[in-house]
Amino acid sequence: MSSAPTEPDLLAAIEALNQRLDRLESKLDQVALPGLVERMDKFEAMVETLGTFSQRLPVLSEAAGHTASWAWDQAKANGVDPIAAGQQAAQLALAAAQPESMAIAQRLLAKRDTLVAVLDVLDEFDDEDLTETATAIAATRRSPAPQVGLFGALMRMGDPDVQRAVGFSLELARRIGRIVGKA
């Protein structure tokens, strides 16, 4: 069994510890203290910022609660079920995150300038004209057009609608020809 340390032993141990601490402090002053002080200053600034944020947290929480409540009420007032809308948004986000969806999005973004040009052209038409054109194309595809020879085509040129469509087609062909000629 070891005996309890005596007072002189404790004083000697404390003195030795103080000397070591003095040497360590001296080395820190020379080597690491400036960096440590800088890090402590940054840490102090972060703690101060967190303190400020924590003081404002109740106000921010209350504002967020009021905003969420207002948005919920607005959705309900406009006939939107917020729960169903949130579920649909989550499903959309999951679908958009799929690799094939991301690939499509990347392709669309790569063609951004072309798509903007197409949308600019489409903006020149009203929705009714676009719908009627799409309906006409779909109807024509469903029931195949009859085969018409040169004389049949000439006979149909008496129809003003055919004249407009042929005129449009010829003008489109002329402009596309210019583009093809540049290549």
Protein backbone atom coordinates (compact mmCIF):
# COMPACT_ATOMS: atom_id res chain seq x y z
CA MET A 1 0.00 0.00 0.00
CA SER A 2 1.19 3.46 -0.76
CA SER A 3 1.05 6.06 1.89
CA ALA A 4 -0.76 9.38 1.52
CA PRO A 5 1.41 12.15 0.07
CA THR A 6 2.80 14.61 2.53
CA GLU A 7 2.42 18.35 2.30
CA PRO A 8 6.02 18.91 1.12
CA ASP A 9 5.47 16.25 -1.59
CA LEU A 10 2.30 17.99 -2.76
CA LEU A 11 4.01 21.39 -2.77
CA ALA A 12 6.91 19.98 -4.81
CA ALA A 13 4.48 18.39 -7.29
CA ILE A 14 2.55 21.66 -7.63
CA GLU A 15 5.79 23.57 -8.16
CA ALA A 16 6.91 21.08 -10.85
CA LEU A 17 3.50 21.36 -12.53
CA ASN A 18 3.69 25.18 -12.46
CA GLN A 19 7.13 25.07 -14.06
CA ARG A 20 5.87 22.78 -16.82
CA LEU A 21 2.85 25.03 -17.41
CA ASP A 22 5.16 28.06 -17.61
CA ARG A 23 7.33 26.30 -20.22
CA LEU A 24 4.24 25.19 -22.16
CA GLU A 25 2.81 28.71 -22.07
CA SER A 26 6.13 30.07 -23.31
CA LYS A 27 6.11 27.62 -26.22
CA LEU A 28 2.47 28.43 -27.04
CA ASP A 29 3.31 32.13 -27.05
CA GLN A 30 6.03 31.48 -29.60
CA VAL A 31 4.27 28.95 -31.82
CA ALA A 32 0.51 28.65 -31.68
CA LEU A 33 -0.93 31.42 -29.55
CA PRO A 34 -1.57 33.93 -32.37
CA GLY A 35 -3.52 31.31 -34.35
CA LEU A 36 -5.33 30.18 -31.24
CA VAL A 37 -6.30 33.74 -30.37
CA GLU A 38 -7.62 34.26 -33.91
CA ARG A 39 -9.63 31.04 -33.69
CA MET A 40 -10.97 32.04 -30.28
CA ASP A 41 -12.03 35.43 -31.71
CA LYS A 42 -13.91 33.66 -34.51
CA PHE A 43 -15.46 31.27 -32.02
CA GLU A 44 -16.51 34.20 -29.84
CA ALA A 45 -18.11 35.91 -32.85
CA MET A 46 -19.99 32.71 -33.72
CA VAL A 47 -21.23 32.35 -30.15
CA GLU A 48 -22.36 35.98 -30.21
CA THR A 49 -24.17 35.43 -33.51
CA LEU A 50 -25.85 32.32 -32.16
CA GLY A 51 -26.87 34.27 -29.07
CA THR A 52 -28.41 36.98 -31.23
CA PHE A 53 -30.14 34.37 -33.38
CA SER A 54 -31.46 32.53 -30.34
CA GLN A 55 -32.90 35.81 -29.04
CA ARG A 56 -34.70 36.34 -32.36
CA LEU A 57 -35.80 32.73 -32.74
CA PRO A 58 -39.16 33.20 -31.00
CA VAL A 59 -40.03 36.10 -33.33
CA LEU A 60 -38.90 34.13 -36.39
CA SER A 61 -40.86 31.08 -35.27
CA GLU A 62 -43.98 33.14 -34.74
CA ALA A 63 -43.59 34.79 -38.17
CA ALA A 64 -43.12 31.39 -39.81
CA GLY A 65 -46.22 30.10 -38.05
CA HIS A 66 -48.30 33.09 -39.17
CA THR A 67 -47.02 32.73 -42.74
CA ALA A 68 -47.84 29.02 -42.82
CA SER A 69 -51.29 29.69 -41.37
CA TRP A 70 -51.92 32.45 -43.91
CA ALA A 71 -50.80 30.20 -46.80
CA TRP A 72 -53.04 27.40 -45.54
CA ASP A 73 -56.03 29.76 -45.34
CA GLN A 74 -55.32 31.17 -48.82
CA ALA A 75 -55.12 27.67 -50.29
CA LYS A 76 -58.40 26.65 -48.63
CA ALA A 77 -60.10 29.88 -49.76
CA ASN A 78 -59.05 29.12 -53.35
CA GLY A 79 -60.36 25.56 -53.21
CA VAL A 80 -56.94 23.92 -52.85
CA ASP A 81 -56.47 21.05 -50.42
CA PRO A 82 -53.02 21.81 -48.91
CA ILE A 83 -52.43 18.19 -47.87
CA ALA A 84 -53.25 16.82 -51.34
CA ALA A 85 -51.23 19.59 -53.00
CA GLY A 86 -48.27 18.80 -50.76
CA GLN A 87 -48.51 15.10 -51.58
CA GLN A 88 -48.67 15.87 -55.29
CA ALA A 89 -45.66 18.18 -54.98
CA ALA A 90 -43.74 15.42 -53.19
CA GLN A 91 -44.64 12.91 -55.92
CA LEU A 92 -43.58 15.41 -58.58
CA ALA A 93 -40.27 15.99 -56.79
CA LEU A 94 -39.66 12.23 -56.57
CA ALA A 95 -40.44 11.79 -60.27
CA ALA A 96 -38.25 14.75 -61.21
CA ALA A 97 -35.35 13.29 -59.21
CA GLN A 98 -35.35 10.06 -61.24
CA PRO A 99 -32.31 9.71 -63.54
CA GLU A 100 -34.42 9.57 -66.70
CA SER A 101 -36.26 12.76 -65.68
CA MET A 102 -32.97 14.48 -64.97
CA ALA A 103 -31.70 13.38 -68.40
CA ILE A 104 -34.79 14.90 -70.05
CA ALA A 105 -34.32 18.12 -68.08
CA GLN A 106 -30.67 18.28 -69.16
CA ARG A 107 -31.67 17.77 -72.80
CA LEU A 108 -34.27 20.53 -72.51
CA LEU A 109 -31.76 22.88 -70.91
CA ALA A 110 -29.24 22.10 -73.64
CA LYS A 111 -31.87 23.18 -76.20
CA ARG A 112 -32.97 26.18 -74.16
CA ASP A 113 -32.38 28.76 -76.90
CA THR A 114 -34.28 26.67 -79.46
CA LEU A 115 -37.17 26.09 -77.05
CA VAL A 116 -37.36 29.79 -76.26
CA ALA A 117 -37.54 30.54 -80.00
CA VAL A 118 -40.34 27.98 -80.44
CA LEU A 119 -42.22 29.43 -77.47
CA ASP A 120 -41.77 32.93 -78.88
CA VAL A 121 -43.36 31.76 -82.14
CA LEU A 122 -46.17 30.02 -80.27
CA ASP A 123 -46.80 33.21 -78.30
CA GLU A 124 -47.75 34.89 -81.58
CA PHE A 125 -50.74 32.56 -81.89
CA ASP A 126 -53.72 32.54 -79.64
CA ASP A 127 -54.53 29.33 -77.81
CA GLU A 128 -57.66 28.70 -79.87
CA ASP A 129 -55.67 28.70 -83.15
CA LEU A 130 -53.09 26.31 -81.69
CA THR A 131 -55.83 24.00 -80.40
CA GLU A 132 -57.64 24.00 -83.75
CA THR A 133 -54.39 23.32 -85.62
CA ALA A 134 -53.50 20.43 -83.34
CA THR A 135 -57.04 19.06 -83.68
CA ALA A 136 -56.88 19.32 -87.48
CA ILE A 137 -53.53 17.46 -87.58
CA ALA A 138 -54.88 14.72 -85.29
CA ALA A 139 -58.09 14.35 -87.31
CA THR A 140 -56.16 14.18 -90.59
CA ARG A 141 -53.89 11.47 -89.19
CA ARG A 142 -56.87 9.42 -87.96
CA SER A 143 -58.55 9.35 -91.36
CA PRO A 144 -55.99 8.99 -94.14
CA ALA A 145 -56.11 11.58 -96.90
CA PRO A 146 -57.20 10.30 -100.31
CA GLN A 147 -54.58 9.91 -103.02
CA VAL A 148 -54.84 12.81 -105.41
CA GLY A 149 -53.10 13.22 -108.74
CA LEU A 150 -52.10 16.41 -110.51
CA PHE A 151 -55.57 17.06 -111.88
CA GLY A 152 -57.22 16.28 -108.53
CA ALA A 153 -54.88 18.79 -106.86
CA LEU A 154 -55.70 21.40 -109.52
CA MET A 155 -59.42 20.82 -109.00
CA ARG A 156 -59.07 21.29 -105.23
CA MET A 157 -57.26 24.61 -105.75
CA GLY A 158 -60.70 26.19 -106.19
CA ASP A 159 -61.27 25.76 -102.42
CA PRO A 160 -60.13 28.96 -100.58
CA ASP A 161 -59.02 26.91 -97.54
CA VAL A 162 -56.82 24.74 -99.79
CA GLN A 163 -55.44 27.87 -101.47
CA ARG A 164 -54.46 29.35 -98.09
CA ALA A 165 -52.88 26.06 -96.93
CA VAL A 166 -50.93 25.66 -100.20
CA GLY A 167 -49.80 29.29 -100.07
CA PHE A 168 -48.64 28.82 -96.48
CA SER A 169 -46.87 25.56 -97.39
CA LEU A 170 -45.09 27.15 -100.36
CA GLU A 171 -43.94 30.13 -98.26
CA LEU A 172 -42.73 27.74 -95.54
CA ALA A 173 -40.93 25.63 -98.18
CA ARG A 174 -39.23 28.77 -99.56
CA ARG A 175 -37.97 29.81 -96.12
CA ILE A 176 -36.80 26.29 -95.23
CA GLY A 177 -35.06 26.16 -98.61
CA ARG A 178 -33.10 29.28 -97.68
CA ILE A 179 -32.00 27.63 -94.45
CA VAL A 180 -31.05 24.41 -96.22
CA GLY A 181 -29.15 26.42 -98.82
CA LYS A 182 -26.95 27.94 -96.08
CA ALA A 183 -25.80 24.52 -94.89
